[in-house]
């Protein structure tokens, strides 16, 4: 039975999708075909999330189905998956320790206010967020939790990293955990990715193609064009057989990204949220040994 020996545990909207695609290119690394299995967060549960688009989620809650994600492993030595909900989930750390006590864990953390805003813009991009004003959407968080919307709608709650990471430090040896900042990946992507290769015990000289930027958040400049790129259309169906799948995906992603714009986060909202996160950020500094003062500005 083949199981993963490393996991990317989060945080959401911190570069985990890009990291998943970069690692997947390495010949010695196998990544699960389903990026976000969410198995360790929801094992054995029957999910019925009620938020817009939540019912289309494909979380894997059955062990046999989870194990099948790794049946195609051949000669790869590092076997992994990326599931950002594992950082937030109160149950995931125990479940991971039960199944994979020797697993290596990778976390990328982002300024929690910027992370929340990026999550909001992603749901706007995907035409799921019904409120297009970030401040008003924040006011609905408790109502959405009460109404059983999926975890991704918890813009603020997802950002208390010290509490979330502490669960892993209490169960796993520190040598099994690598924590990076979103700024690390943005400013020095090759250095970060090769450090991860070293951590995973694979060839650290390999350089993946990092030219594409998957899962960029933003608001569409042209909504009609955005909807055309996202949804089935007779014109696209006509040309689909003529264009290879990977090329088609690359073209669509490029065109979609070019049509997105990221409005500046309101300074007033930042000032509103800073006191909410301040104590957690200070605790996180001590926990991971990194200077997070820019997050407090």
C-alpha atoms as a PDB file:
ATOM      1  CA  UNK A   1       0.000   0.000   0.000  1.00  0.00           C
ATOM      2  CA  UNK A   2       1.504   3.305  -1.108  1.00  0.00           C
ATOM      3  CA  UNK A   3       0.839   6.404   0.979  1.00  0.00           C
ATOM      4  CA  UNK A   4       2.302   9.914   0.853  1.00  0.00           C
ATOM      5  CA  UNK A   5       5.448  10.741   2.773  1.00  0.00           C
ATOM      6  CA  UNK A   6       4.973  14.508   2.633  1.00  0.00           C
ATOM      7  CA  UNK A   7       2.079  16.963   2.692  1.00  0.00           C
ATOM      8  CA  UNK A   8       1.630  20.627   1.860  1.00  0.00           C
ATOM      9  CA  UNK A   9      -0.715  21.607   4.682  1.00  0.00           C
ATOM     10  CA  UNK A  10      -1.415  25.256   3.810  1.00  0.00           C
ATOM     11  CA  UNK A  11      -2.167  28.037   4.085  1.00  0.00           C
ATOM     12  CA  UNK A  12      -4.854  28.734   1.487  1.00  0.00           C
ATOM     13  CA  UNK A  13      -4.078  31.530  -0.995  1.00  0.00           C
ATOM     14  CA  UNK A  14      -0.401  31.509  -0.021  1.00  0.00           C
ATOM     15  CA  UNK A  15       1.127  29.935  -3.114  1.00  0.00           C
ATOM     16  CA  UNK A  16       0.235  26.293  -2.476  1.00  0.00           C
ATOM     17  CA  UNK A  17      -1.285  25.765  -5.922  1.00  0.00           C
ATOM     18  CA  UNK A  18       1.863  27.085  -7.589  1.00  0.00           C
ATOM     19  CA  UNK A  19       4.008  24.918  -5.301  1.00  0.00           C
ATOM     20  CA  UNK A  20       1.909  21.855  -6.149  1.00  0.00           C
ATOM     21  CA  UNK A  21       2.528  22.397  -9.878  1.00  0.00           C
ATOM     22  CA  UNK A  22       6.242  23.096  -9.410  1.00  0.00           C
ATOM     23  CA  UNK A  23       6.792  19.949  -7.344  1.00  0.00           C
ATOM     24  CA  UNK A  24       4.749  17.873  -9.765  1.00  0.00           C
ATOM     25  CA  UNK A  25       7.322  18.544 -12.492  1.00  0.00           C
ATOM     26  CA  UNK A  26      10.167  16.885 -10.579  1.00  0.00           C
ATOM     27  CA  UNK A  27      10.832  13.336 -11.889  1.00  0.00           C
ATOM     28  CA  UNK A  28      11.434  12.035  -8.365  1.00  0.00           C
ATOM     29  CA  UNK A  29       8.221  13.495  -6.934  1.00  0.00           C
ATOM     30  CA  UNK A  30       4.685  12.137  -7.263  1.00  0.00           C
ATOM     31  CA  UNK A  31       1.801  14.467  -6.454  1.00  0.00           C
ATOM     32  CA  UNK A  32      -1.746  13.178  -6.036  1.00  0.00           C
ATOM     33  CA  UNK A  33      -3.835  13.840  -9.176  1.00  0.00           C
ATOM     34  CA  UNK A  34      -6.453  15.496  -6.960  1.00  0.00           C
ATOM     35  CA  UNK A  35      -4.657  18.498  -5.479  1.00  0.00           C
ATOM     36  CA  UNK A  36      -6.998  19.013  -2.523  1.00  0.00           C
ATOM     37  CA  UNK A  37      -8.209  15.589  -1.369  1.00  0.00           C
ATOM     38  CA  UNK A  38      -9.143  17.004   2.078  1.00  0.00           C
ATOM     39  CA  UNK A  39      -9.125  13.442   3.424  1.00  0.00           C
ATOM     40  CA  UNK A  40      -7.403  14.212   6.718  1.00  0.00           C
ATOM     41  CA  UNK A  41      -9.825  17.021   7.468  1.00  0.00           C
ATOM     42  CA  UNK A  42     -13.038  15.155   6.644  1.00  0.00           C
ATOM     43  CA  UNK A  43     -12.362  11.418   6.944  1.00  0.00           C
ATOM     44  CA  UNK A  44     -15.600   9.497   7.458  1.00  0.00           C
ATOM     45  CA  UNK A  45     -17.806  12.574   7.294  1.00  0.00           C
ATOM     46  CA  UNK A  46     -20.819  13.219   5.075  1.00  0.00           C
ATOM     47  CA  UNK A  47     -20.387  16.734   3.760  1.00  0.00           C
ATOM     48  CA  UNK A  48     -23.262  18.987   2.859  1.00  0.00           C
ATOM     49  CA  UNK A  49     -21.812  22.489   2.722  1.00  0.00           C
ATOM     50  CA  UNK A  50     -24.379  25.135   1.829  1.00  0.00           C
ATOM     51  CA  UNK A  51     -22.390  28.041   0.370  1.00  0.00           C
ATOM     52  CA  UNK A  52     -22.474  29.050  -3.313  1.00  0.00           C
ATOM     53  CA  UNK A  53     -20.649  26.388  -5.300  1.00  0.00           C
ATOM     54  CA  UNK A  54     -19.910  24.309  -2.213  1.00  0.00           C
ATOM     55  CA  UNK A  55     -21.971  21.329  -3.321  1.00  0.00           C
ATOM     56  CA  UNK A  56     -19.684  20.759  -6.282  1.00  0.00           C
ATOM     57  CA  UNK A  57     -16.759  20.004  -3.973  1.00  0.00           C
ATOM     58  CA  UNK A  58     -15.156  16.591  -4.373  1.00  0.00           C
ATOM     59  CA  UNK A  59     -13.605  15.938  -0.979  1.00  0.00           C
ATOM     60  CA  UNK A  60     -12.313  12.396  -0.470  1.00  0.00           C
ATOM     61  CA  UNK A  61     -13.599  11.057   2.849  1.00  0.00           C
ATOM     62  CA  UNK A  62     -13.014   7.322   2.334  1.00  0.00           C
ATOM     63  CA  UNK A  63      -9.616   5.741   3.072  1.00  0.00           C
ATOM     64  CA  UNK A  64      -9.693   3.377   0.090  1.00  0.00           C
ATOM     65  CA  UNK A  65     -10.477   6.264  -2.271  1.00  0.00           C
ATOM     66  CA  UNK A  66      -7.666   8.289  -0.706  1.00  0.00           C
ATOM     67  CA  UNK A  67      -5.167   5.462  -1.058  1.00  0.00           C
ATOM     68  CA  UNK A  68      -6.169   5.082  -4.719  1.00  0.00           C
ATOM     69  CA  UNK A  69      -4.766   8.572  -5.322  1.00  0.00           C
ATOM     70  CA  UNK A  70      -1.302   7.041  -5.044  1.00  0.00           C
ATOM     71  CA  UNK A  71      -1.740   3.792  -6.948  1.00  0.00           C
ATOM     72  CA  UNK A  72       0.087   5.213  -9.984  1.00  0.00           C
ATOM     73  CA  UNK A  73       3.324   5.762  -8.069  1.00  0.00           C
ATOM     74  CA  UNK A  74       6.234   4.047  -9.807  1.00  0.00           C
ATOM     75  CA  UNK A  75       9.848   5.012  -9.054  1.00  0.00           C
ATOM     76  CA  UNK A  76       9.176   8.349  -7.350  1.00  0.00           C
ATOM     77  CA  UNK A  77      10.727   8.679  -3.892  1.00  0.00           C
ATOM     78  CA  UNK A  78       8.838  11.722  -2.611  1.00  0.00           C
ATOM     79  CA  UNK A  79       5.074  11.173  -2.625  1.00  0.00           C
ATOM     80  CA  UNK A  80       2.759  13.951  -1.616  1.00  0.00           C
ATOM     81  CA  UNK A  81      -0.378  16.016  -1.843  1.00  0.00           C
ATOM     82  CA  UNK A  82      -1.479  19.557  -1.063  1.00  0.00           C
ATOM     83  CA  UNK A  83      -4.506  20.144   1.155  1.00  0.00           C
ATOM     84  CA  UNK A  84      -4.725  23.639   2.612  1.00  0.00           C
ATOM     85  CA  UNK A  85      -7.703  22.811   4.833  1.00  0.00           C
ATOM     86  CA  UNK A  86      -5.375  20.593   6.891  1.00  0.00           C
ATOM     87  CA  UNK A  87      -3.820  23.658   8.503  1.00  0.00           C
ATOM     88  CA  UNK A  88      -7.182  25.010   9.609  1.00  0.00           C
ATOM     89  CA  UNK A  89      -8.842  21.707  10.529  1.00  0.00           C
ATOM     90  CA  UNK A  90      -8.809  20.822  14.217  1.00  0.00           C
ATOM     91  CA  UNK A  91      -8.848  17.110  13.338  1.00  0.00           C
ATOM     92  CA  UNK A  92      -6.280  16.889  10.556  1.00  0.00           C
ATOM     93  CA  UNK A  93      -3.092  16.931  12.651  1.00  0.00           C
ATOM     94  CA  UNK A  94      -4.206  13.911  14.691  1.00  0.00           C
ATOM     95  CA  UNK A  95      -5.298  12.009  11.602  1.00  0.00           C
ATOM     96  CA  UNK A  96      -2.073  12.746   9.739  1.00  0.00           C
ATOM     97  CA  UNK A  97      -0.061  11.629  12.756  1.00  0.00           C
ATOM     98  CA  UNK A  98      -2.111   8.420  12.944  1.00  0.00           C
ATOM     99  CA  UNK A  99      -1.635   7.484   9.294  1.00  0.00           C
ATOM    100  CA  UNK A 100       1.685   9.203   8.507  1.00  0.00           C
ATOM    101  CA  UNK A 101       3.693   9.781  11.708  1.00  0.00           C
ATOM    102  CA  UNK A 102       6.938  10.176   9.759  1.00  0.00           C
ATOM    103  CA  UNK A 103       5.582  12.490   7.077  1.00  0.00           C
ATOM    104  CA  UNK A 104       7.319  15.732   6.203  1.00  0.00           C
ATOM    105  CA  UNK A 105       5.050  18.761   6.376  1.00  0.00           C
ATOM    106  CA  UNK A 106       5.303  21.982   4.398  1.00  0.00           C
ATOM    107  CA  UNK A 107       3.435  25.190   5.201  1.00  0.00           C
ATOM    108  CA  UNK A 108       3.482  28.542   3.424  1.00  0.00           C
ATOM    109  CA  UNK A 109       2.044  31.442   5.414  1.00  0.00           C
ATOM    110  CA  UNK A 110       0.836  34.798   4.147  1.00  0.00           C
ATOM    111  CA  UNK A 111      -0.065  38.044   5.885  1.00  0.00           C
ATOM    112  CA  UNK A 112      -3.497  36.960   7.172  1.00  0.00           C
ATOM    113  CA  UNK A 113      -5.194  40.154   6.021  1.00  0.00           C
ATOM    114  CA  UNK A 114      -3.769  39.859   2.508  1.00  0.00           C
ATOM    115  CA  UNK A 115      -4.645  36.175   2.533  1.00  0.00           C
ATOM    116  CA  UNK A 116      -8.258  36.902   3.463  1.00  0.00           C
ATOM    117  CA  UNK A 117      -8.561  39.523   0.737  1.00  0.00           C
ATOM    118  CA  UNK A 118      -7.053  37.189  -1.859  1.00  0.00           C
ATOM    119  CA  UNK A 119      -9.518  34.460  -0.858  1.00  0.00           C
ATOM    120  CA  UNK A 120     -12.374  36.942  -1.261  1.00  0.00           C
ATOM    121  CA  UNK A 121     -11.126  37.978  -4.717  1.00  0.00           C
ATOM    122  CA  UNK A 122     -10.793  34.328  -5.757  1.00  0.00           C
ATOM    123  CA  UNK A 123     -14.438  33.679  -4.902  1.00  0.00           C
ATOM    124  CA  UNK A 124     -15.414  36.847  -6.782  1.00  0.00           C
ATOM    125  CA  UNK A 125     -13.364  35.605  -9.728  1.00  0.00           C
ATOM    126  CA  UNK A 126     -15.129  32.255  -9.609  1.00  0.00           C
ATOM    127  CA  UNK A 127     -18.548  33.964  -9.437  1.00  0.00           C
ATOM    128  CA  UNK A 128     -19.269  32.423  -6.041  1.00  0.00           C
ATOM    129  CA  UNK A 129     -19.056  35.424  -3.706  1.00  0.00           C
ATOM    130  CA  UNK A 130     -22.471  37.155  -3.776  1.00  0.00           C
ATOM    131  CA  UNK A 131     -21.170  40.269  -1.974  1.00  0.00           C
ATOM    132  CA  UNK A 132     -18.688  42.293  -4.015  1.00  0.00           C
ATOM    133  CA  UNK A 133     -17.710  44.577  -1.135  1.00  0.00           C
ATOM    134  CA  UNK A 134     -14.989  42.992   1.039  1.00  0.00           C
ATOM    135  CA  UNK A 135     -15.994  44.871   4.188  1.00  0.00           C
ATOM    136  CA  UNK A 136     -19.582  43.692   3.886  1.00  0.00           C
ATOM    137  CA  UNK A 137     -18.484  40.123   3.116  1.00  0.00           C
ATOM    138  CA  UNK A 138     -16.420  40.110   6.320  1.00  0.00           C
ATOM    139  CA  UNK A 139     -19.512  41.022   8.295  1.00  0.00           C
ATOM    140  CA  UNK A 140     -21.221  37.851   7.051  1.00  0.00           C
ATOM    141  CA  UNK A 141     -18.558  35.417   8.262  1.00  0.00           C
ATOM    142  CA  UNK A 142     -20.312  34.326  11.450  1.00  0.00           C
ATOM    143  CA  UNK A 143     -23.604  33.904   9.598  1.00  0.00           C
ATOM    144  CA  UNK A 144     -21.878  31.761   6.986  1.00  0.00           C
ATOM    145  CA  UNK A 145     -20.280  29.565   9.629  1.00  0.00           C
ATOM    146  CA  UNK A 146     -23.679  29.157  11.273  1.00  0.00           C
ATOM    147  CA  UNK A 147     -25.281  28.284   7.934  1.00  0.00           C
ATOM    148  CA  UNK A 148     -22.618  25.636   7.223  1.00  0.00           C
ATOM    149  CA  UNK A 149     -20.808  27.253   4.343  1.00  0.00           C
ATOM    150  CA  UNK A 150     -17.512  25.513   3.532  1.00  0.00           C
ATOM    151  CA  UNK A 151     -14.271  26.350   5.346  1.00  0.00           C
ATOM    152  CA  UNK A 152     -12.975  28.576   2.534  1.00  0.00           C
ATOM    153  CA  UNK A 153     -15.537  31.248   3.367  1.00  0.00           C
ATOM    154  CA  UNK A 154     -13.897  31.838   6.752  1.00  0.00           C
ATOM    155  CA  UNK A 155     -11.817  34.752   5.568  1.00  0.00           C
ATOM    156  CA  UNK A 156     -10.735  35.774   9.074  1.00  0.00           C
ATOM    157  CA  UNK A 157     -10.783  32.438  10.904  1.00  0.00           C
ATOM    158  CA  UNK A 158      -8.350  30.861   8.448  1.00  0.00           C
ATOM    159  CA  UNK A 159      -5.678  33.398   9.379  1.00  0.00           C
ATOM    160  CA  UNK A 160      -4.883  32.424  12.979  1.00  0.00           C
ATOM    161  CA  UNK A 161      -1.763  30.488  12.058  1.00  0.00           C
ATOM    162  CA  UNK A 162      -0.085  30.175  15.459  1.00  0.00           C
ATOM    163  CA  UNK A 163      -3.030  28.211  16.849  1.00  0.00           C
ATOM    164  CA  UNK A 164      -3.200  26.067  13.726  1.00  0.00           C
ATOM    165  CA  UNK A 165       0.527  25.335  13.483  1.00  0.00           C
ATOM    166  CA  UNK A 166       0.822  24.619  17.192  1.00  0.00           C
ATOM    167  CA  UNK A 167      -1.261  21.480  16.696  1.00  0.00           C
ATOM    168  CA  UNK A 168       1.438  20.146  14.378  1.00  0.00           C
ATOM    169  CA  UNK A 169       4.377  21.136  16.567  1.00  0.00           C
ATOM    170  CA  UNK A 170       2.728  19.294  19.460  1.00  0.00           C
ATOM    171  CA  UNK A 171       2.567  16.057  17.467  1.00  0.00           C
ATOM    172  CA  UNK A 172       5.487  16.076  15.036  1.00  0.00           C
ATOM    173  CA  UNK A 173       9.193  16.618  15.474  1.00  0.00           C
ATOM    174  CA  UNK A 174      10.256  20.084  14.370  1.00  0.00           C
ATOM    175  CA  UNK A 175      12.631  18.517  11.848  1.00  0.00           C
ATOM    176  CA  UNK A 176       9.575  17.192  10.002  1.00  0.00           C
ATOM    177  CA  UNK A 177       8.073  20.647   9.516  1.00  0.00           C
ATOM    178  CA  UNK A 178       9.182  23.358   7.071  1.00  0.00           C
ATOM    179  CA  UNK A 179       7.523  26.764   7.215  1.00  0.00           C
ATOM    180  CA  UNK A 180       7.967  29.398   4.515  1.00  0.00           C
ATOM    181  CA  UNK A 181       6.439  32.804   4.010  1.00  0.00           C
ATOM    182  CA  UNK A 182       4.522  33.851   0.923  1.00  0.00           C
ATOM    183  CA  UNK A 183       7.154  36.553   0.459  1.00  0.00           C
ATOM    184  CA  UNK A 184       9.864  33.873   0.286  1.00  0.00           C
ATOM    185  CA  UNK A 185       8.142  32.140  -2.607  1.00  0.00           C
ATOM    186  CA  UNK A 186       7.371  35.427  -4.371  1.00  0.00           C
ATOM    187  CA  UNK A 187      10.837  36.941  -4.040  1.00  0.00           C
ATOM    188  CA  UNK A 188      13.062  33.855  -4.303  1.00  0.00           C
ATOM    189  CA  UNK A 189      11.013  31.067  -5.906  1.00  0.00           C
ATOM    190  CA  UNK A 190      13.938  28.973  -7.147  1.00  0.00           C
ATOM    191  CA  UNK A 191      15.710  29.175  -3.799  1.00  0.00           C
ATOM    192  CA  UNK A 192      12.551  28.090  -1.964  1.00  0.00           C
ATOM    193  CA  UNK A 193      11.709  25.270  -4.344  1.00  0.00           C
ATOM    194  CA  UNK A 194      15.246  23.883  -4.238  1.00  0.00           C
ATOM    195  CA  UNK A 195      15.265  24.103  -0.444  1.00  0.00           C
ATOM    196  CA  UNK A 196      12.075  22.038  -0.489  1.00  0.00           C
ATOM    197  CA  UNK A 197      13.716  19.537  -2.846  1.00  0.00           C
ATOM    198  CA  UNK A 198      16.547  19.171  -0.323  1.00  0.00           C
ATOM    199  CA  UNK A 199      14.019  18.753   2.505  1.00  0.00           C
ATOM    200  CA  UNK A 200      12.290  15.987   0.528  1.00  0.00           C
ATOM    201  CA  UNK A 201      15.546  14.237  -0.333  1.00  0.00           C
ATOM    202  CA  UNK A 202      15.319  14.596  -4.116  1.00  0.00           C
ATOM    203  CA  UNK A 203      17.653  16.159  -6.682  1.00  0.00           C
ATOM    204  CA  UNK A 204      17.884  19.793  -5.593  1.00  0.00           C
ATOM    205  CA  UNK A 205      19.478  20.937  -8.854  1.00  0.00           C
ATOM    206  CA  UNK A 206      16.250  20.391 -10.799  1.00  0.00           C
ATOM    207  CA  UNK A 207      14.642  23.664 -11.914  1.00  0.00           C
ATOM    208  CA  UNK A 208      10.921  23.458 -12.743  1.00  0.00           C
ATOM    209  CA  UNK A 209       9.127  25.676 -15.236  1.00  0.00           C
ATOM    210  CA  UNK A 210       7.795  28.531 -13.132  1.00  0.00           C
ATOM    211  CA  UNK A 211       6.547  30.737 -15.955  1.00  0.00           C
ATOM    212  CA  UNK A 212       2.843  30.130 -15.332  1.00  0.00           C
ATOM    213  CA  UNK A 213       1.060  31.575 -12.298  1.00  0.00           C
ATOM    214  CA  UNK A 214      -1.910  29.327 -11.462  1.00  0.00           C
ATOM    215  CA  UNK A 215      -4.881  30.358  -9.341  1.00  0.00           C
ATOM    216  CA  UNK A 216      -4.341  34.123  -9.455  1.00  0.00           C
ATOM    217  CA  UNK A 217      -7.049  36.046  -7.637  1.00  0.00           C
ATOM    218  CA  UNK A 218      -8.702  39.199  -8.922  1.00  0.00           C
ATOM    219  CA  UNK A 219     -11.823  40.869 -10.231  1.00  0.00           C
ATOM    220  CA  UNK A 220     -12.601  40.491 -13.948  1.00  0.00           C
ATOM    221  CA  UNK A 221     -12.110  43.629 -16.025  1.00  0.00           C
ATOM    222  CA  UNK A 222     -14.564  42.291 -18.598  1.00  0.00           C
ATOM    223  CA  UNK A 223     -17.210  40.016 -17.071  1.00  0.00           C
ATOM    224  CA  UNK A 224     -18.539  38.758 -20.426  1.00  0.00           C
ATOM    225  CA  UNK A 225     -15.057  37.686 -21.535  1.00  0.00           C
ATOM    226  CA  UNK A 226     -14.388  36.173 -18.112  1.00  0.00           C
ATOM    227  CA  UNK A 227     -17.578  34.089 -18.247  1.00  0.00           C
ATOM    228  CA  UNK A 228     -16.759  32.960 -21.787  1.00  0.00           C
ATOM    229  CA  UNK A 229     -13.355  31.677 -20.631  1.00  0.00           C
ATOM    230  CA  UNK A 230     -14.767  29.940 -17.555  1.00  0.00           C
ATOM    231  CA  UNK A 231     -17.903  28.273 -18.875  1.00  0.00           C
ATOM    232  CA  UNK A 232     -18.739  25.856 -21.720  1.00  0.00           C
ATOM    233  CA  UNK A 233     -19.430  27.560 -25.041  1.00  0.00           C
ATOM    234  CA  UNK A 234     -20.175  26.252 -28.531  1.00  0.00           C
ATOM    235  CA  UNK A 235     -17.233  28.169 -30.007  1.00  0.00           C
ATOM    236  CA  UNK A 236     -14.792  26.594 -27.565  1.00  0.00           C
ATOM    237  CA  UNK A 237     -16.266  23.148 -28.157  1.00  0.00           C
ATOM    238  CA  UNK A 238     -15.661  23.584 -31.898  1.00  0.00           C
ATOM    239  CA  UNK A 239     -11.947  24.242 -31.489  1.00  0.00           C
ATOM    240  CA  UNK A 240     -11.356  21.850 -28.583  1.00  0.00           C
ATOM    241  CA  UNK A 241     -10.396  18.818 -30.755  1.00  0.00           C
ATOM    242  CA  UNK A 242      -7.855  20.938 -32.622  1.00  0.00           C
ATOM    243  CA  UNK A 243      -5.835  22.099 -29.618  1.00  0.00           C
ATOM    244  CA  UNK A 244      -3.942  19.753 -27.243  1.00  0.00           C
ATOM    245  CA  UNK A 245      -5.330  19.717 -23.703  1.00  0.00           C
ATOM    246  CA  UNK A 246      -2.272  21.180 -21.949  1.00  0.00           C
ATOM    247  CA  UNK A 247      -1.861  23.945 -24.501  1.00  0.00           C
ATOM    248  CA  UNK A 248      -5.561  24.728 -24.264  1.00  0.00           C
ATOM    249  CA  UNK A 249      -5.333  25.013 -20.469  1.00  0.00           C
ATOM    250  CA  UNK A 250      -2.271  27.247 -20.701  1.00  0.00           C
ATOM    251  CA  UNK A 251      -3.915  29.579 -23.212  1.00  0.00           C
ATOM    252  CA  UNK A 252      -7.100  29.801 -21.154  1.00  0.00           C
ATOM    253  CA  UNK A 253      -5.186  30.516 -17.950  1.00  0.00           C
ATOM    254  CA  UNK A 254      -3.110  33.216 -19.622  1.00  0.00           C
ATOM    255  CA  UNK A 255      -6.153  34.933 -21.111  1.00  0.00           C
ATOM    256  CA  UNK A 256      -8.042  34.700 -17.833  1.00  0.00           C
ATOM    257  CA  UNK A 257      -5.166  36.136 -15.819  1.00  0.00           C
ATOM    258  CA  UNK A 258      -4.781  39.019 -18.265  1.00  0.00           C
ATOM    259  CA  UNK A 259      -8.423  39.896 -17.694  1.00  0.00           C
ATOM    260  CA  UNK A 260      -8.073  40.068 -13.901  1.00  0.00           C
ATOM    261  CA  UNK A 261      -7.284  43.147 -11.864  1.00  0.00           C
ATOM    262  CA  UNK A 262      -6.603  43.248  -8.122  1.00  0.00           C
ATOM    263  CA  UNK A 263      -8.113  46.361  -6.513  1.00  0.00           C
ATOM    264  CA  UNK A 264      -6.066  47.815  -3.676  1.00  0.00           C
ATOM    265  CA  UNK A 265      -7.085  46.624  -0.229  1.00  0.00           C
ATOM    266  CA  UNK A 266      -8.706  49.462   1.675  1.00  0.00           C
ATOM    267  CA  UNK A 267      -6.379  50.899   4.391  1.00  0.00           C
ATOM    268  CA  UNK A 268      -9.459  51.257   6.592  1.00  0.00           C
ATOM    269  CA  UNK A 269     -10.161  47.522   6.397  1.00  0.00           C
ATOM    270  CA  UNK A 270      -6.530  46.769   7.162  1.00  0.00           C
ATOM    271  CA  UNK A 271      -6.671  48.989  10.237  1.00  0.00           C
ATOM    272  CA  UNK A 272      -9.882  47.242  11.265  1.00  0.00           C
ATOM    273  CA  UNK A 273      -8.343  43.767  10.995  1.00  0.00           C
ATOM    274  CA  UNK A 274      -4.866  44.423  12.407  1.00  0.00           C
ATOM    275  CA  UNK A 275      -5.987  44.288  16.069  1.00  0.00           C
ATOM    276  CA  UNK A 276      -7.814  41.033  15.342  1.00  0.00           C
ATOM    277  CA  UNK A 277      -4.611  39.298  14.208  1.00  0.00           C
ATOM    278  CA  UNK A 278      -1.938  41.142  16.219  1.00  0.00           C
ATOM    279  CA  UNK A 279      -1.573  38.721  19.147  1.00  0.00           C
ATOM    280  CA  UNK A 280      -1.602  35.679  16.896  1.00  0.00           C
ATOM    281  CA  UNK A 281       1.071  37.186  14.647  1.00  0.00           C
ATOM    282  CA  UNK A 282       3.283  37.917  17.654  1.00  0.00           C
ATOM    283  CA  UNK A 283       2.885  34.345  18.888  1.00  0.00           C
ATOM    284  CA  UNK A 284       3.609  33.038  15.401  1.00  0.00           C
ATOM    285  CA  UNK A 285       6.886  34.985  15.312  1.00  0.00           C
ATOM    286  CA  UNK A 286       8.063  33.090  18.361  1.00  0.00           C
ATOM    287  CA  UNK A 287       6.776  29.761  17.094  1.00  0.00           C
ATOM    288  CA  UNK A 288       8.563  29.825  13.737  1.00  0.00           C
ATOM    289  CA  UNK A 289      11.443  32.185  14.525  1.00  0.00           C
ATOM    290  CA  UNK A 290      10.706  34.685  11.761  1.00  0.00           C
ATOM    291  CA  UNK A 291      10.349  38.454  11.825  1.00  0.00           C
ATOM    292  CA  UNK A 292       6.720  39.191  10.928  1.00  0.00           C
ATOM    293  CA  UNK A 293       6.778  42.916  11.711  1.00  0.00           C
ATOM    294  CA  UNK A 294       5.789  43.819   8.103  1.00  0.00           C
ATOM    295  CA  UNK A 295       2.470  42.041   8.740  1.00  0.00           C
ATOM    296  CA  UNK A 296       1.802  44.444  11.609  1.00  0.00           C
ATOM    297  CA  UNK A 297       2.241  47.609   9.561  1.00  0.00           C
END
